[in-house]
Amino acid sequence: MKIIEQNIPFFNFLVSPISGEKVTELLSKTNDGIVHYLEVNSEEWLSLVLSKETHLFNYKSPIENLENVGNDTIDESMIHSLEDLHSLKKINDKFFAGSDGILVKYDKVIKFVTISYNGICHVEVSQDKKTATAKFYPAANERIQLTENDVISIIKGKNISVNLEMIEIHSALDYVNKNKEVLDQVVVAKGKEPKLGKEGWTEF
């Protein structure tokens, strides 16, 4: 029988969140609170994955709990906040996994990291904001593949002034979608100095 971690103020866990160095490792693999399934596709990580609809914990915020707190003294160092509610399903004070994912506890935060089985793209921007490189992830079988429009939207969301490397983007998408392999350090945008008062985006 799995031992559930001791509860902390306002949280009643039904499953134990991971903590410590394992959280640091997981967060290094995530982007916007999402981790691709290939990043956690090992026996070590799969044992930590919780299925969609899993009852994770019961939680009432400090404000919701005022009537129950009374005059009891609560150690403030033990109080954690709940982050990224969009990844959770709430029924009254019960919280369920909105998708497959991993429950974590760090820096006084409880967070559910969502696992994506769709094709995704993580874009990193150089310090001068003139070059963008990307890591492309393939979709699992029968899931949604990454498209050219997805990549362009992500690049534009980084607010950089560049020329898009459309040939590189096409080649990367073709390779990833056909071979179901991750492709890293793809230069997807680079190039010109922005004009004063304008974004400098290439028209296409």
N, C-alpha and C. Protein backbone atom coordinates (compact mmCIF):
# COMPACT_ATOMS: atom_id res chain seq x y z
N MET A 1 0.85 -1.20 0.00
CA MET A 1 0.00 0.00 0.00
C MET A 1 0.87 1.24 0.00
N LYS A 2 0.59 2.18 -0.89
CA LYS A 2 1.38 3.39 -0.99
C LYS A 2 1.08 4.34 0.16
N ILE A 3 2.14 4.84 0.79
CA ILE A 3 1.97 5.76 1.90
C ILE A 3 1.79 7.18 1.36
N ILE A 4 0.72 7.83 1.78
CA ILE A 4 0.44 9.19 1.33
C ILE A 4 1.20 10.17 2.20
N GLU A 5 1.80 11.16 1.54
CA GLU A 5 2.57 12.17 2.27
C GLU A 5 1.71 12.86 3.32
N GLN A 6 2.34 13.17 4.45
CA GLN A 6 1.63 13.89 5.51
C GLN A 6 1.04 15.18 4.95
N ASN A 7 -0.18 15.46 5.33
CA ASN A 7 -0.86 16.64 4.80
C ASN A 7 -0.25 17.92 5.32
N ILE A 8 -0.46 18.99 4.57
CA ILE A 8 -0.02 20.32 4.96
C ILE A 8 -1.27 21.18 5.11
N PRO A 9 -1.18 22.33 5.76
CA PRO A 9 -2.38 23.14 5.98
C PRO A 9 -3.21 23.35 4.71
N PHE A 10 -4.51 23.10 4.82
CA PHE A 10 -5.52 23.31 3.79
C PHE A 10 -5.53 22.25 2.69
N PHE A 11 -4.54 21.34 2.67
CA PHE A 11 -4.48 20.27 1.68
C PHE A 11 -4.65 18.91 2.35
N ASN A 12 -5.49 18.08 1.76
CA ASN A 12 -5.63 16.70 2.18
C ASN A 12 -5.31 15.83 0.96
N PHE A 13 -4.10 15.28 0.91
CA PHE A 13 -3.64 14.56 -0.27
C PHE A 13 -4.20 13.15 -0.34
N LEU A 14 -4.61 12.77 -1.56
CA LEU A 14 -5.00 11.40 -1.84
C LEU A 14 -3.85 10.65 -2.51
N VAL A 15 -2.93 11.40 -3.12
CA VAL A 15 -1.69 10.86 -3.68
C VAL A 15 -0.56 11.80 -3.25
N SER A 16 0.64 11.28 -3.18
CA SER A 16 1.76 12.10 -2.72
C SER A 16 2.38 12.89 -3.87
N PRO A 17 2.57 14.21 -3.70
CA PRO A 17 3.30 14.98 -4.71
C PRO A 17 4.79 14.68 -4.61
N ILE A 18 5.49 14.77 -5.74
CA ILE A 18 6.93 14.60 -5.68
C ILE A 18 7.55 15.92 -5.20
N SER A 19 8.76 15.85 -4.67
CA SER A 19 9.42 17.05 -4.15
C SER A 19 10.93 16.91 -4.31
N GLY A 20 11.65 17.95 -3.91
CA GLY A 20 13.11 17.92 -3.93
C GLY A 20 13.71 17.96 -5.32
N GLU A 21 14.82 17.24 -5.50
CA GLU A 21 15.57 17.28 -6.75
C GLU A 21 14.76 16.76 -7.94
N LYS A 22 13.83 15.85 -7.66
CA LYS A 22 13.02 15.30 -8.74
C LYS A 22 12.15 16.39 -9.37
N VAL A 23 11.67 17.31 -8.55
CA VAL A 23 10.87 18.42 -9.08
C VAL A 23 11.73 19.31 -9.97
N THR A 24 12.94 19.62 -9.50
CA THR A 24 13.86 20.47 -10.28
C THR A 24 14.12 19.84 -11.64
N GLU A 25 14.32 18.53 -11.66
CA GLU A 25 14.57 17.83 -12.92
C GLU A 25 13.35 17.89 -13.83
N LEU A 26 12.17 17.67 -13.25
CA LEU A 26 10.94 17.69 -14.05
C LEU A 26 10.69 19.08 -14.62
N LEU A 27 10.83 20.11 -13.80
CA LEU A 27 10.55 21.47 -14.26
C LEU A 27 11.51 21.90 -15.36
N SER A 28 12.72 21.34 -15.37
CA SER A 28 13.67 21.67 -16.44
C SER A 28 13.22 21.10 -17.78
N LYS A 29 12.31 20.14 -17.74
CA LYS A 29 11.80 19.52 -18.96
C LYS A 29 10.49 20.15 -19.43
N THR A 30 9.91 21.04 -18.62
CA THR A 30 8.59 21.59 -18.92
C THR A 30 8.67 22.94 -19.63
N ASN A 31 7.59 23.29 -20.27
CA ASN A 31 7.45 24.59 -20.90
C ASN A 31 5.99 25.02 -20.71
N ASP A 32 5.80 26.17 -20.05
CA ASP A 32 4.44 26.65 -19.76
C ASP A 32 3.61 25.61 -19.01
N GLY A 33 4.26 24.91 -18.08
CA GLY A 33 3.54 23.95 -17.25
C GLY A 33 3.22 22.63 -17.92
N ILE A 34 3.81 22.39 -19.11
CA ILE A 34 3.53 21.16 -19.86
C ILE A 34 4.84 20.42 -20.13
N VAL A 35 4.81 19.11 -19.97
CA VAL A 35 5.96 18.29 -20.32
C VAL A 35 5.53 17.28 -21.38
N HIS A 36 6.38 17.08 -22.38
CA HIS A 36 6.04 16.12 -23.43
C HIS A 36 6.26 14.70 -22.92
N TYR A 37 5.43 13.79 -23.39
CA TYR A 37 5.48 12.42 -22.86
C TYR A 37 6.83 11.74 -23.08
N LEU A 38 7.55 12.11 -24.13
CA LEU A 38 8.86 11.49 -24.37
C LEU A 38 9.90 11.90 -23.33
N GLU A 39 9.67 13.02 -22.64
CA GLU A 39 10.60 13.45 -21.59
C GLU A 39 10.42 12.64 -20.31
N VAL A 40 9.29 11.98 -20.18
CA VAL A 40 9.04 11.19 -18.97
C VAL A 40 8.72 9.74 -19.33
N ASN A 41 9.23 9.30 -20.47
CA ASN A 41 8.92 7.97 -20.98
C ASN A 41 9.97 6.94 -20.53
N SER A 42 10.14 6.84 -19.23
CA SER A 42 11.05 5.85 -18.65
C SER A 42 10.37 5.25 -17.44
N GLU A 43 10.84 4.08 -17.03
CA GLU A 43 10.21 3.40 -15.90
C GLU A 43 10.21 4.27 -14.65
N GLU A 44 11.31 4.99 -14.45
CA GLU A 44 11.45 5.86 -13.28
C GLU A 44 10.35 6.92 -13.24
N TRP A 45 10.10 7.57 -14.39
CA TRP A 45 9.11 8.64 -14.45
C TRP A 45 7.69 8.11 -14.56
N LEU A 46 7.51 7.04 -15.32
CA LEU A 46 6.16 6.52 -15.54
C LEU A 46 5.51 6.07 -14.24
N SER A 47 6.32 5.69 -13.27
CA SER A 47 5.77 5.29 -11.97
C SER A 47 5.18 6.48 -11.21
N LEU A 48 5.52 7.69 -11.65
CA LEU A 48 5.04 8.90 -10.99
C LEU A 48 3.86 9.55 -11.71
N VAL A 49 3.56 9.06 -12.91
CA VAL A 49 2.50 9.65 -13.73
C VAL A 49 1.13 9.25 -13.19
N LEU A 50 0.27 10.24 -13.04
CA LEU A 50 -1.10 10.03 -12.57
C LEU A 50 -2.06 10.17 -13.75
N SER A 51 -3.02 9.28 -13.81
CA SER A 51 -3.95 9.27 -14.94
C SER A 51 -5.00 10.37 -14.81
N LYS A 52 -5.52 10.78 -15.94
CA LYS A 52 -6.62 11.74 -15.99
C LYS A 52 -7.77 11.26 -15.10
N GLU A 53 -8.37 12.20 -14.39
CA GLU A 53 -9.50 11.96 -13.47
C GLU A 53 -9.07 11.43 -12.10
N THR A 54 -7.77 11.22 -11.88
CA THR A 54 -7.31 10.78 -10.56
C THR A 54 -7.66 11.84 -9.51
N HIS A 55 -8.23 11.41 -8.40
CA HIS A 55 -8.50 12.33 -7.28
C HIS A 55 -7.18 12.62 -6.59
N LEU A 56 -6.70 13.86 -6.71
CA LEU A 56 -5.38 14.23 -6.22
C LEU A 56 -5.38 14.67 -4.76
N PHE A 57 -6.29 15.59 -4.44
CA PHE A 57 -6.34 16.13 -3.08
C PHE A 57 -7.65 16.88 -2.88
N ASN A 58 -7.93 17.15 -1.63
CA ASN A 58 -9.00 18.07 -1.26
C ASN A 58 -8.34 19.34 -0.77
N TYR A 59 -8.92 20.48 -1.13
CA TYR A 59 -8.28 21.74 -0.78
C TYR A 59 -9.32 22.84 -0.60
N LYS A 60 -9.16 23.58 0.48
CA LYS A 60 -9.90 24.82 0.68
C LYS A 60 -8.89 25.90 0.99
N SER A 61 -9.00 27.03 0.32
CA SER A 61 -8.06 28.13 0.53
C SER A 61 -8.19 28.65 1.95
N PRO A 62 -7.18 29.40 2.43
CA PRO A 62 -7.27 29.98 3.78
C PRO A 62 -8.55 30.79 3.99
N ILE A 63 -8.99 31.51 2.96
CA ILE A 63 -10.22 32.31 3.09
C ILE A 63 -11.43 31.40 3.24
N GLU A 64 -11.47 30.32 2.44
CA GLU A 64 -12.57 29.37 2.52
C GLU A 64 -12.58 28.63 3.86
N ASN A 65 -11.42 28.57 4.50
CA ASN A 65 -11.26 27.80 5.72
C ASN A 65 -11.36 28.63 6.99
N LEU A 66 -11.69 29.89 6.87
CA LEU A 66 -11.69 30.78 8.03
C LEU A 66 -12.52 30.23 9.19
N GLU A 67 -13.67 29.69 8.87
CA GLU A 67 -14.56 29.22 9.93
C GLU A 67 -14.03 27.98 10.65
N ASN A 68 -13.11 27.26 9.97
CA ASN A 68 -12.55 26.05 10.58
C ASN A 68 -11.22 26.29 11.27
N VAL A 69 -10.56 27.40 10.93
CA VAL A 69 -9.25 27.67 11.50
C VAL A 69 -9.36 28.04 12.96
N GLY A 70 -10.36 28.87 13.30
CA GLY A 70 -10.57 29.28 14.69
C GLY A 70 -9.36 29.99 15.24
N ASN A 71 -9.02 29.65 16.43
CA ASN A 71 -7.87 30.28 17.08
C ASN A 71 -6.60 29.46 16.97
N ASP A 72 -6.66 28.37 16.18
CA ASP A 72 -5.47 27.53 16.04
C ASP A 72 -4.35 28.29 15.34
N THR A 73 -3.16 28.06 15.81
CA THR A 73 -1.99 28.69 15.19
C THR A 73 -1.47 27.80 14.08
N ILE A 74 -1.30 28.38 12.88
CA ILE A 74 -0.80 27.63 11.74
C ILE A 74 0.60 28.11 11.40
N ASP A 75 1.50 27.18 11.24
CA ASP A 75 2.87 27.49 10.86
C ASP A 75 2.86 28.03 9.43
N GLU A 76 3.15 29.31 9.25
CA GLU A 76 3.08 29.93 7.92
C GLU A 76 4.07 29.31 6.94
N SER A 77 5.16 28.75 7.45
CA SER A 77 6.15 28.13 6.56
C SER A 77 5.60 26.87 5.90
N MET A 78 4.50 26.36 6.43
CA MET A 78 3.90 25.14 5.89
C MET A 78 2.78 25.44 4.89
N ILE A 79 2.39 26.71 4.78
CA ILE A 79 1.28 27.06 3.89
C ILE A 79 1.76 27.11 2.44
N HIS A 80 1.08 26.37 1.58
CA HIS A 80 1.40 26.33 0.15
C HIS A 80 0.22 26.89 -0.65
N SER A 81 0.52 27.49 -1.79
CA SER A 81 -0.53 27.96 -2.69
C SER A 81 -0.73 26.94 -3.80
N LEU A 82 -1.86 27.05 -4.46
CA LEU A 82 -2.19 26.14 -5.55
C LEU A 82 -1.99 26.87 -6.87
N GLU A 83 -1.20 26.28 -7.76
CA GLU A 83 -0.83 26.93 -9.01
C GLU A 83 -1.42 26.20 -10.21
N ASP A 84 -1.73 26.95 -11.28
CA ASP A 84 -2.21 26.39 -12.55
C ASP A 84 -3.50 25.59 -12.40
N LEU A 85 -4.56 26.27 -12.02
CA LEU A 85 -5.85 25.60 -11.84
C LEU A 85 -6.40 25.03 -13.14
N HIS A 86 -5.97 25.59 -14.29
CA HIS A 86 -6.49 25.12 -15.57
C HIS A 86 -6.14 23.65 -15.85
N SER A 87 -5.13 23.13 -15.16
CA SER A 87 -4.74 21.73 -15.37
C SER A 87 -5.49 20.77 -14.46
N LEU A 88 -6.39 21.33 -13.65
CA LEU A 88 -7.13 20.53 -12.68
C LEU A 88 -8.64 20.62 -12.91
N LYS A 89 -9.34 19.62 -12.44
CA LYS A 89 -10.80 19.62 -12.46
C LYS A 89 -11.27 19.70 -11.02
N LYS A 90 -12.13 20.67 -10.72
CA LYS A 90 -12.57 20.90 -9.35
C LYS A 90 -14.05 20.57 -9.19
N ILE A 91 -14.35 19.80 -8.17
CA ILE A 91 -15.73 19.53 -7.77
C ILE A 91 -15.83 19.82 -6.27
N ASN A 92 -16.47 20.93 -5.94
CA ASN A 92 -16.50 21.42 -4.55
C ASN A 92 -15.06 21.63 -4.08
N ASP A 93 -14.63 20.94 -3.02
CA ASP A 93 -13.25 21.11 -2.57
C ASP A 93 -12.36 19.95 -3.02
N LYS A 94 -12.86 19.14 -3.94
CA LYS A 94 -12.10 18.00 -4.45
C LYS A 94 -11.44 18.37 -5.78
N PHE A 95 -10.17 18.02 -5.93
CA PHE A 95 -9.42 18.35 -7.14
C PHE A 95 -8.95 17.07 -7.82
N PHE A 96 -9.22 17.00 -9.14
CA PHE A 96 -8.89 15.83 -9.94
C PHE A 96 -7.94 16.24 -11.08
N ALA A 97 -7.19 15.27 -11.56
CA ALA A 97 -6.29 15.53 -12.69
C ALA A 97 -7.11 15.79 -13.94
N GLY A 98 -6.85 16.93 -14.61
CA GLY A 98 -7.55 17.25 -15.85
C GLY A 98 -7.01 16.50 -17.04
N SER A 99 -5.85 15.87 -16.86
CA SER A 99 -5.20 15.07 -17.90
C SER A 99 -4.18 14.19 -17.19
N ASP A 100 -3.44 13.38 -17.94
CA ASP A 100 -2.32 12.68 -17.33
C ASP A 100 -1.30 13.72 -16.88
N GLY A 101 -0.61 13.45 -15.79
CA GLY A 101 0.38 14.41 -15.33
C GLY A 101 1.07 13.96 -14.06
N ILE A 102 1.85 14.87 -13.47
CA ILE A 102 2.62 14.59 -12.26
C ILE A 102 2.38 15.71 -11.25
N LEU A 103 2.04 15.33 -10.04
CA LEU A 103 1.77 16.28 -8.97
C LEU A 103 3.08 16.61 -8.26
N VAL A 104 3.37 17.92 -8.08
CA VAL A 104 4.63 18.32 -7.47
C VAL A 104 4.41 19.33 -6.35
N LYS A 105 5.39 19.38 -5.46
CA LYS A 105 5.40 20.34 -4.36
C LYS A 105 6.78 20.99 -4.31
N TYR A 106 6.82 22.32 -4.42
CA TYR A 106 8.10 23.03 -4.38
C TYR A 106 7.87 24.50 -4.07
N ASP A 107 8.83 25.13 -3.43
CA ASP A 107 8.78 26.57 -3.15
C ASP A 107 7.41 27.02 -2.66
N LYS A 108 6.84 26.25 -1.74
CA LYS A 108 5.54 26.58 -1.14
C LYS A 108 4.41 26.63 -2.17
N VAL A 109 4.55 25.81 -3.21
CA VAL A 109 3.55 25.72 -4.27
C VAL A 109 3.18 24.26 -4.52
N ILE A 110 1.90 24.00 -4.75
CA ILE A 110 1.42 22.71 -5.23
C ILE A 110 1.01 22.91 -6.68
N LYS A 111 1.51 22.05 -7.57
CA LYS A 111 1.29 22.24 -8.99
C LYS A 111 1.11 20.89 -9.67
N PHE A 112 0.22 20.84 -10.65
CA PHE A 112 0.04 19.62 -11.44
C PHE A 112 0.61 19.87 -12.83
N VAL A 113 1.70 19.15 -13.16
CA VAL A 113 2.36 19.31 -14.46
C VAL A 113 1.68 18.39 -15.47
N THR A 114 1.11 18.98 -16.49
CA THR A 114 0.37 18.25 -17.52
C THR A 114 1.32 17.56 -18.50
N ILE A 115 0.98 16.35 -18.89
CA ILE A 115 1.74 15.63 -19.92
C ILE A 115 1.02 15.77 -21.24
N SER A 116 1.76 16.18 -22.27
CA SER A 116 1.18 16.32 -23.61
C SER A 116 1.59 15.15 -24.49
N TYR A 117 0.61 14.60 -25.19
CA TYR A 117 0.88 13.53 -26.16
C TYR A 117 0.80 14.06 -27.59
N ASN A 118 0.50 15.35 -27.73
CA ASN A 118 0.46 15.99 -29.05
C ASN A 118 1.85 16.45 -29.44
N GLY A 119 2.01 16.78 -30.72
CA GLY A 119 3.25 17.37 -31.16
C GLY A 119 3.38 18.78 -30.59
N ILE A 120 4.52 19.12 -30.02
CA ILE A 120 4.73 20.45 -29.45
C ILE A 120 6.10 20.98 -29.84
N CYS A 121 6.28 22.27 -29.61
CA CYS A 121 7.53 22.93 -29.98
C CYS A 121 7.91 23.91 -28.87
N HIS A 122 9.13 23.79 -28.36
CA HIS A 122 9.63 24.73 -27.36
C HIS A 122 10.63 25.66 -28.04
N VAL A 123 10.41 26.95 -27.93
CA VAL A 123 11.27 27.93 -28.60
C VAL A 123 12.08 28.71 -27.57
N GLU A 124 13.37 28.80 -27.81
CA GLU A 124 14.26 29.60 -26.97
C GLU A 124 14.78 30.78 -27.79
N VAL A 125 14.87 31.94 -27.17
CA VAL A 125 15.28 33.15 -27.86
C VAL A 125 16.65 33.60 -27.35
N SER A 126 17.51 34.02 -28.27
CA SER A 126 18.84 34.51 -27.88
C SER A 126 18.72 35.82 -27.10
N GLN A 127 19.79 36.18 -26.40
CA GLN A 127 19.73 37.37 -25.56
C GLN A 127 19.42 38.63 -26.34
N ASP A 128 19.93 38.73 -27.56
CA ASP A 128 19.67 39.92 -28.37
C ASP A 128 18.31 39.84 -29.09
N LYS A 129 17.59 38.75 -28.87
CA LYS A 129 16.26 38.55 -29.43
C LYS A 129 16.25 38.57 -30.96
N LYS A 130 17.36 38.17 -31.56
CA LYS A 130 17.42 38.14 -33.02
C LYS A 130 17.52 36.72 -33.58
N THR A 131 17.64 35.74 -32.69
CA THR A 131 17.71 34.35 -33.14
C THR A 131 16.84 33.49 -32.24
N ALA A 132 16.09 32.60 -32.85
CA ALA A 132 15.26 31.67 -32.09
C ALA A 132 15.56 30.25 -32.51
N THR A 133 15.81 29.38 -31.54
CA THR A 133 16.01 27.96 -31.82
C THR A 133 14.86 27.19 -31.17
N ALA A 134 14.55 26.03 -31.73
CA ALA A 134 13.40 25.28 -31.24
C ALA A 134 13.72 23.81 -31.05
N LYS A 135 12.96 23.21 -30.15
CA LYS A 135 12.99 21.77 -29.93
C LYS A 135 11.63 21.23 -30.36
N PHE A 136 11.62 20.34 -31.34
CA PHE A 136 10.39 19.79 -31.89
C PHE A 136 10.12 18.41 -31.30
N TYR A 137 8.89 18.21 -30.85
CA TYR A 137 8.48 16.91 -30.32
C TYR A 137 7.38 16.32 -31.19
N PRO A 138 7.46 15.02 -31.50
CA PRO A 138 6.42 14.38 -32.32
C PRO A 138 5.18 14.05 -31.50
N ALA A 139 4.08 13.87 -32.19
CA ALA A 139 2.85 13.43 -31.53
C ALA A 139 2.88 11.92 -31.33
N ALA A 140 2.26 11.47 -30.26
CA ALA A 140 2.07 10.03 -30.09
C ALA A 140 1.07 9.56 -31.14
N ASN A 141 0.96 8.26 -31.34
CA ASN A 141 0.03 7.71 -32.34
C ASN A 141 -1.38 8.23 -32.12
N GLU A 142 -2.00 8.66 -33.21
CA GLU A 142 -3.39 9.14 -33.21
C GLU A 142 -3.57 10.48 -32.50
N ARG A 143 -2.50 11.13 -32.12
CA ARG A 143 -2.61 12.44 -31.47
C ARG A 143 -2.33 13.54 -32.49
N ILE A 144 -2.48 14.80 -32.07
CA ILE A 144 -2.41 15.94 -32.98
C ILE A 144 -0.96 16.29 -33.31
N GLN A 145 -0.64 16.30 -34.61
CA GLN A 145 0.71 16.64 -35.03
C GLN A 145 0.95 18.14 -34.99
N LEU A 146 2.20 18.51 -34.79
CA LEU A 146 2.62 19.90 -34.82
C LEU A 146 2.54 20.43 -36.25
N THR A 147 2.07 21.66 -36.42
CA THR A 147 1.94 22.25 -37.76
C THR A 147 2.80 23.51 -37.90
N GLU A 148 2.93 23.93 -39.12
CA GLU A 148 3.68 25.16 -39.42
C GLU A 148 3.07 26.35 -38.70
N ASN A 149 1.75 26.45 -38.71
CA ASN A 149 1.08 27.57 -38.04
C ASN A 149 1.34 27.57 -36.54
N ASP A 150 1.41 26.37 -35.94
CA ASP A 150 1.72 26.28 -34.51
C ASP A 150 3.08 26.91 -34.22
N VAL A 151 4.07 26.54 -35.03
CA VAL A 151 5.43 27.02 -34.82
C VAL A 151 5.51 28.53 -35.00
N ILE A 152 4.89 29.04 -36.06
CA ILE A 152 4.90 30.48 -36.32
C ILE A 152 4.24 31.24 -35.17
N SER A 153 3.14 30.73 -34.67
CA SER A 153 2.43 31.36 -33.56
C SER A 153 3.30 31.42 -32.31
N ILE A 154 4.02 30.34 -32.03
CA ILE A 154 4.90 30.30 -30.86
C ILE A 154 6.03 31.31 -30.99
N ILE A 155 6.63 31.38 -32.17
CA ILE A 155 7.73 32.33 -32.41
C ILE A 155 7.24 33.76 -32.23
N LYS A 156 6.12 34.08 -32.81
CA LYS A 156 5.59 35.44 -32.70
C LYS A 156 5.24 35.78 -31.26
N GLY A 157 4.84 34.76 -30.51
CA GLY A 157 4.51 34.98 -29.11
C GLY A 157 5.71 35.37 -28.27
N LYS A 158 6.90 35.17 -28.81
CA LYS A 158 8.13 35.54 -28.10
C LYS A 158 8.51 37.00 -28.33
N ASN A 159 7.76 37.71 -29.18
CA ASN A 159 7.98 39.14 -29.43
C ASN A 159 9.39 39.45 -29.90
N ILE A 160 9.83 38.75 -30.93
CA ILE A 160 11.15 39.02 -31.49
C ILE A 160 11.02 39.51 -32.93
N SER A 161 12.02 40.25 -33.38
CA SER A 161 12.02 40.82 -34.73
C SER A 161 12.99 40.03 -35.59
N VAL A 162 12.45 39.18 -36.44
CA VAL A 162 13.29 38.24 -37.18
C VAL A 162 12.71 37.90 -38.54
N ASN A 163 13.53 37.21 -39.33
CA ASN A 163 13.04 36.55 -40.53
C ASN A 163 12.83 35.08 -40.19
N LEU A 164 11.67 34.55 -40.49
CA LEU A 164 11.41 33.15 -40.21
C LEU A 164 12.18 32.25 -41.17
N GLU A 165 12.77 31.20 -40.64
CA GLU A 165 13.52 30.24 -41.45
C GLU A 165 12.55 29.13 -41.89
N MET A 166 11.76 29.42 -42.91
CA MET A 166 10.68 28.53 -43.29
C MET A 166 11.18 27.18 -43.82
N ILE A 167 12.32 27.18 -44.50
CA ILE A 167 12.85 25.91 -45.01
C ILE A 167 13.23 25.01 -43.85
N GLU A 168 13.88 25.60 -42.82
CA GLU A 168 14.26 24.81 -41.65
C GLU A 168 13.03 24.30 -40.90
N ILE A 169 12.02 25.15 -40.80
CA ILE A 169 10.79 24.75 -40.10
C ILE A 169 10.11 23.60 -40.84
N HIS A 170 9.99 23.73 -42.16
CA HIS A 170 9.38 22.66 -42.96
C HIS A 170 10.14 21.35 -42.80
N SER A 171 11.47 21.43 -42.89
CA SER A 171 12.31 20.22 -42.80
C SER A 171 12.17 19.55 -41.43
N ALA A 172 12.17 20.39 -40.39
CA ALA A 172 12.06 19.85 -39.02
C ALA A 172 10.70 19.17 -38.81
N LEU A 173 9.64 19.83 -39.25
CA LEU A 173 8.30 19.26 -39.10
C LEU A 173 8.18 17.94 -39.86
N ASP A 174 8.71 17.91 -41.08
CA ASP A 174 8.64 16.70 -41.90
C ASP A 174 9.38 15.55 -41.22
N TYR A 175 10.57 15.84 -40.69
CA TYR A 175 11.39 14.81 -40.04
C TYR A 175 10.71 14.28 -38.77
N VAL A 176 10.27 15.19 -37.93
CA VAL A 176 9.68 14.81 -36.64
C VAL A 176 8.39 14.03 -36.83
N ASN A 177 7.54 14.50 -37.73
CA ASN A 177 6.25 13.84 -37.92
C ASN A 177 6.39 12.47 -38.59
N LYS A 178 7.41 12.31 -39.44
CA LYS A 178 7.60 11.02 -40.11
C LYS A 178 8.34 10.01 -39.24
N ASN A 179 9.36 10.47 -38.53
CA ASN A 179 10.23 9.57 -37.78
C ASN A 179 9.87 9.41 -36.31
N LYS A 180 8.94 10.26 -35.82
CA LYS A 180 8.52 10.20 -34.43
C LYS A 180 9.70 10.34 -33.47
N GLU A 181 10.61 11.24 -33.83
CA GLU A 181 11.79 11.50 -33.00
C GLU A 181 11.86 12.98 -32.65
N VAL A 182 12.50 13.26 -31.51
CA VAL A 182 12.70 14.65 -31.09
C VAL A 182 13.83 15.27 -31.90
N LEU A 183 13.68 16.53 -32.26
CA LEU A 183 14.70 17.26 -32.98
C LEU A 183 14.98 18.56 -32.24
N ASP A 184 16.24 18.78 -31.87
CA ASP A 184 16.59 19.91 -31.01
C ASP A 184 17.51 20.90 -31.74
N GLN A 185 17.57 22.12 -31.20
CA GLN A 185 18.47 23.18 -31.69
C GLN A 185 18.24 23.51 -33.16
N VAL A 186 16.99 23.55 -33.57
CA VAL A 186 16.65 23.95 -34.94
C VAL A 186 16.50 25.46 -34.98
N VAL A 187 17.26 26.12 -35.83
CA VAL A 187 17.15 27.58 -35.98
C VAL A 187 15.89 27.88 -36.78
N VAL A 188 14.91 28.47 -36.12
CA VAL A 188 13.62 28.72 -36.77
C VAL A 188 13.42 30.19 -37.13
N ALA A 189 14.26 31.06 -36.59
CA ALA A 189 14.12 32.48 -36.90
C ALA A 189 15.43 33.18 -36.58
N LYS A 190 15.81 34.11 -37.43
CA LYS A 190 17.02 34.89 -37.17
C LYS A 190 17.01 36.10 -38.08
N GLY A 191 17.87 37.08 -37.69
CA GLY A 191 18.05 38.05 -38.73
C GLY A 191 18.05 39.49 -38.41
N LYS A 192 17.12 40.31 -38.67
CA LYS A 192 17.34 41.73 -38.86
C LYS A 192 17.09 42.57 -37.61
N GLU A 193 17.68 43.76 -37.62
CA GLU A 193 17.45 44.73 -36.55
C GLU A 193 16.03 45.29 -36.69
N PRO A 194 15.30 45.43 -35.59
CA PRO A 194 13.96 46.01 -35.68
C PRO A 194 14.01 47.50 -36.00
N LYS A 195 13.04 47.96 -36.76
CA LYS A 195 12.95 49.40 -37.04
C LYS A 195 12.34 50.10 -35.84
N LEU A 196 12.76 51.32 -35.63
CA LEU A 196 12.27 52.09 -34.49
C LEU A 196 10.74 52.21 -34.56
N GLY A 197 10.08 51.78 -33.49
CA GLY A 197 8.63 51.90 -33.41
C GLY A 197 7.86 50.81 -34.12
N LYS A 198 8.60 49.82 -34.70
CA LYS A 198 7.92 48.74 -35.40
C LYS A 198 8.48 47.40 -34.93
N GLU A 199 7.68 46.37 -35.06
CA GLU A 199 8.10 45.03 -34.67
C GLU A 199 9.13 44.48 -35.66
N GLY A 200 9.01 44.86 -36.94
CA GLY A 200 9.96 44.37 -37.93
C GLY A 200 9.67 42.97 -38.42
N TRP A 201 8.45 42.47 -38.24
CA TRP A 201 8.14 41.11 -38.66
C TRP A 201 8.03 41.04 -40.19
N THR A 202 8.49 39.94 -40.75
CA THR A 202 8.38 39.70 -42.17
C THR A 202 6.92 39.43 -42.53
N GLU A 203 6.47 40.03 -43.59
CA GLU A 203 5.11 39.76 -44.07
C GLU A 203 5.10 38.44 -44.82
N PHE A 204 4.09 37.63 -44.53
CA PHE A 204 3.96 36.38 -45.29
C PHE A 204 2.50 35.98 -45.26
